[in-house]
Amino acid sequence: MDATIGTIIELIVFAILALVSIVFSIFVVTAKDVVRAALALVVTMFIVAAFYIMLNAQFLGVAQVLVYIGAVGVLILFAVMLTKKEFGTDAE
């Protein structure tokens, strides 16, 4: 089996991206703050776009960035920022 430097580097980059993706995906589920969870979701979507680009599917990677990160990520952040939350009270 011919293991060139390029394939070894690609495997290392894939492993790092996979580990970071798993960590941020777990953080999305376990975060108590909605803004931090939304930002972790955006980072996870960026990593998925990087996976698409590594698979030589550049169109899907760009579509992932434009549609999901651009539209859904911004929509989540604006929805969180526009919701009214009382600070300093014990109202539940």
C-alpha atoms as a PDB file:
ATOM      1  CA  MET A   1       0.000   0.000   0.000  1.00  0.00           C
ATOM      2  CA  ASP A   2       1.431   3.320  -1.057  1.00  0.00           C
ATOM      3  CA  ALA A   3       1.239   5.762   1.868  1.00  0.00           C
ATOM      4  CA  THR A   4       2.482   9.093   0.651  1.00  0.00           C
ATOM      5  CA  ILE A   5       2.981  12.195   2.766  1.00  0.00           C
ATOM      6  CA  GLY A   6      -0.197  13.733   1.306  1.00  0.00           C
ATOM      7  CA  THR A   7      -2.409  10.876   2.442  1.00  0.00           C
ATOM      8  CA  ILE A   8      -0.839  10.843   5.894  1.00  0.00           C
ATOM      9  CA  ILE A   9      -1.408  14.592   6.295  1.00  0.00           C
ATOM     10  CA  GLU A  10      -4.977  14.204   5.045  1.00  0.00           C
ATOM     11  CA  LEU A  11      -5.591  11.448   7.584  1.00  0.00           C
ATOM     12  CA  ILE A  12      -4.176  13.577  10.406  1.00  0.00           C
ATOM     13  CA  VAL A  13      -6.330  16.571   9.371  1.00  0.00           C
ATOM     14  CA  PHE A  14      -9.391  14.302   9.194  1.00  0.00           C
ATOM     15  CA  ALA A  15      -8.707  12.878  12.660  1.00  0.00           C
ATOM     16  CA  ILE A  16      -8.288  16.349  14.177  1.00  0.00           C
ATOM     17  CA  LEU A  17     -11.458  17.626  12.500  1.00  0.00           C
ATOM     18  CA  ALA A  18     -13.372  14.544  13.642  1.00  0.00           C
ATOM     19  CA  LEU A  19     -12.304  14.998  17.263  1.00  0.00           C
ATOM     20  CA  VAL A  20     -13.118  18.720  17.249  1.00  0.00           C
ATOM     21  CA  SER A  21     -16.478  17.969  15.627  1.00  0.00           C
ATOM     22  CA  ILE A  22     -17.351  15.425  18.295  1.00  0.00           C
ATOM     23  CA  VAL A  23     -16.362  17.811  21.103  1.00  0.00           C
ATOM     24  CA  PHE A  24     -18.390  20.715  19.723  1.00  0.00           C
ATOM     25  CA  SER A  25     -21.375  18.448  18.981  1.00  0.00           C
ATOM     26  CA  ILE A  26     -21.410  17.254  22.577  1.00  0.00           C
ATOM     27  CA  PHE A  27     -21.129  20.872  23.718  1.00  0.00           C
ATOM     28  CA  VAL A  28     -24.182  21.787  21.605  1.00  0.00           C
ATOM     29  CA  VAL A  29     -26.256  19.225  23.473  1.00  0.00           C
ATOM     30  CA  THR A  30     -24.915  19.876  26.979  1.00  0.00           C
ATOM     31  CA  ALA A  31     -24.576  23.685  26.965  1.00  0.00           C
ATOM     32  CA  LYS A  32     -26.825  25.520  29.392  1.00  0.00           C
ATOM     33  CA  ASP A  33     -26.547  28.845  27.571  1.00  0.00           C
ATOM     34  CA  VAL A  34     -28.430  28.963  24.279  1.00  0.00           C
ATOM     35  CA  VAL A  35     -26.026  31.447  22.671  1.00  0.00           C
ATOM     36  CA  ARG A  36     -23.017  29.253  23.371  1.00  0.00           C
ATOM     37  CA  ALA A  37     -24.889  26.230  22.052  1.00  0.00           C
ATOM     38  CA  ALA A  38     -25.746  28.125  18.850  1.00  0.00           C
ATOM     39  CA  LEU A  39     -22.135  29.203  18.360  1.00  0.00           C
ATOM     40  CA  ALA A  40     -20.958  25.633  18.918  1.00  0.00           C
ATOM     41  CA  LEU A  41     -23.513  24.507  16.324  1.00  0.00           C
ATOM     42  CA  VAL A  42     -22.092  26.999  13.830  1.00  0.00           C
ATOM     43  CA  VAL A  43     -18.566  25.679  14.471  1.00  0.00           C
ATOM     44  CA  THR A  44     -19.810  22.122  13.992  1.00  0.00           C
ATOM     45  CA  MET A  45     -21.396  23.116  10.674  1.00  0.00           C
ATOM     46  CA  PHE A  46     -18.113  24.687   9.557  1.00  0.00           C
ATOM     47  CA  ILE A  47     -16.359  21.401  10.296  1.00  0.00           C
ATOM     48  CA  VAL A  48     -18.981  19.493   8.301  1.00  0.00           C
ATOM     49  CA  ALA A  49     -18.290  21.882   5.399  1.00  0.00           C
ATOM     50  CA  ALA A  50     -14.588  21.089   5.773  1.00  0.00           C
ATOM     51  CA  PHE A  51     -15.436  17.374   5.571  1.00  0.00           C
ATOM     52  CA  TYR A  52     -17.309  17.985   2.314  1.00  0.00           C
ATOM     53  CA  ILE A  53     -14.342  19.863   0.896  1.00  0.00           C
ATOM     54  CA  MET A  54     -11.996  17.046   1.938  1.00  0.00           C
ATOM     55  CA  LEU A  55     -14.285  14.627   0.085  1.00  0.00           C
ATOM     56  CA  ASN A  56     -13.782  16.726  -3.061  1.00  0.00           C
ATOM     57  CA  ALA A  57     -17.385  17.964  -2.983  1.00  0.00           C
ATOM     58  CA  GLN A  58     -16.677  21.691  -3.024  1.00  0.00           C
ATOM     59  CA  PHE A  59     -20.213  22.662  -4.058  1.00  0.00           C
ATOM     60  CA  LEU A  60     -21.704  20.906  -1.043  1.00  0.00           C
ATOM     61  CA  GLY A  61     -19.131  22.558   1.218  1.00  0.00           C
ATOM     62  CA  VAL A  62     -19.981  26.018  -0.087  1.00  0.00           C
ATOM     63  CA  ALA A  63     -23.705  25.261   0.106  1.00  0.00           C
ATOM     64  CA  GLN A  64     -23.236  24.127   3.709  1.00  0.00           C
ATOM     65  CA  VAL A  65     -21.552  27.413   4.587  1.00  0.00           C
ATOM     66  CA  LEU A  66     -24.050  29.617   2.757  1.00  0.00           C
ATOM     67  CA  VAL A  67     -27.290  27.891   3.679  1.00  0.00           C
ATOM     68  CA  TYR A  68     -26.781  26.376   7.088  1.00  0.00           C
ATOM     69  CA  ILE A  69     -24.230  28.677   8.657  1.00  0.00           C
ATOM     70  CA  GLY A  70     -25.357  31.824   6.901  1.00  0.00           C
ATOM     71  CA  ALA A  71     -29.085  31.380   7.229  1.00  0.00           C
ATOM     72  CA  VAL A  72     -29.832  28.968  10.035  1.00  0.00           C
ATOM     73  CA  GLY A  73     -26.986  30.123  12.288  1.00  0.00           C
ATOM     74  CA  VAL A  74     -27.908  33.785  11.955  1.00  0.00           C
ATOM     75  CA  LEU A  75     -31.599  32.969  12.432  1.00  0.00           C
ATOM     76  CA  ILE A  76     -30.865  31.115  15.671  1.00  0.00           C
ATOM     77  CA  LEU A  77     -28.650  33.920  16.978  1.00  0.00           C
ATOM     78  CA  PHE A  78     -31.201  36.639  16.133  1.00  0.00           C
ATOM     79  CA  ALA A  79     -34.017  34.625  17.703  1.00  0.00           C
ATOM     80  CA  VAL A  80     -31.991  34.260  20.877  1.00  0.00           C
ATOM     81  CA  MET A  81     -30.995  37.923  20.954  1.00  0.00           C
ATOM     82  CA  LEU A  82     -34.531  39.162  20.348  1.00  0.00           C
ATOM     83  CA  THR A  83     -36.185  37.099  23.063  1.00  0.00           C
ATOM     84  CA  LYS A  84     -36.924  39.043  26.210  1.00  0.00           C
ATOM     85  CA  LYS A  85     -35.230  37.757  29.326  1.00  0.00           C
ATOM     86  CA  GLU A  86     -35.517  39.333  32.743  1.00  0.00           C
ATOM     87  CA  PHE A  87     -32.179  39.789  34.450  1.00  0.00           C
ATOM     88  CA  GLY A  88     -31.812  40.080  38.200  1.00  0.00           C
ATOM     89  CA  THR A  89     -35.211  38.612  39.109  1.00  0.00           C
ATOM     90  CA  ASP A  90     -36.220  35.232  40.405  1.00  0.00           C
ATOM     91  CA  ALA A  91     -39.181  34.911  38.042  1.00  0.00           C
ATOM     92  CA  GLU A  92     -39.497  31.464  36.558  1.00  0.00           C
END
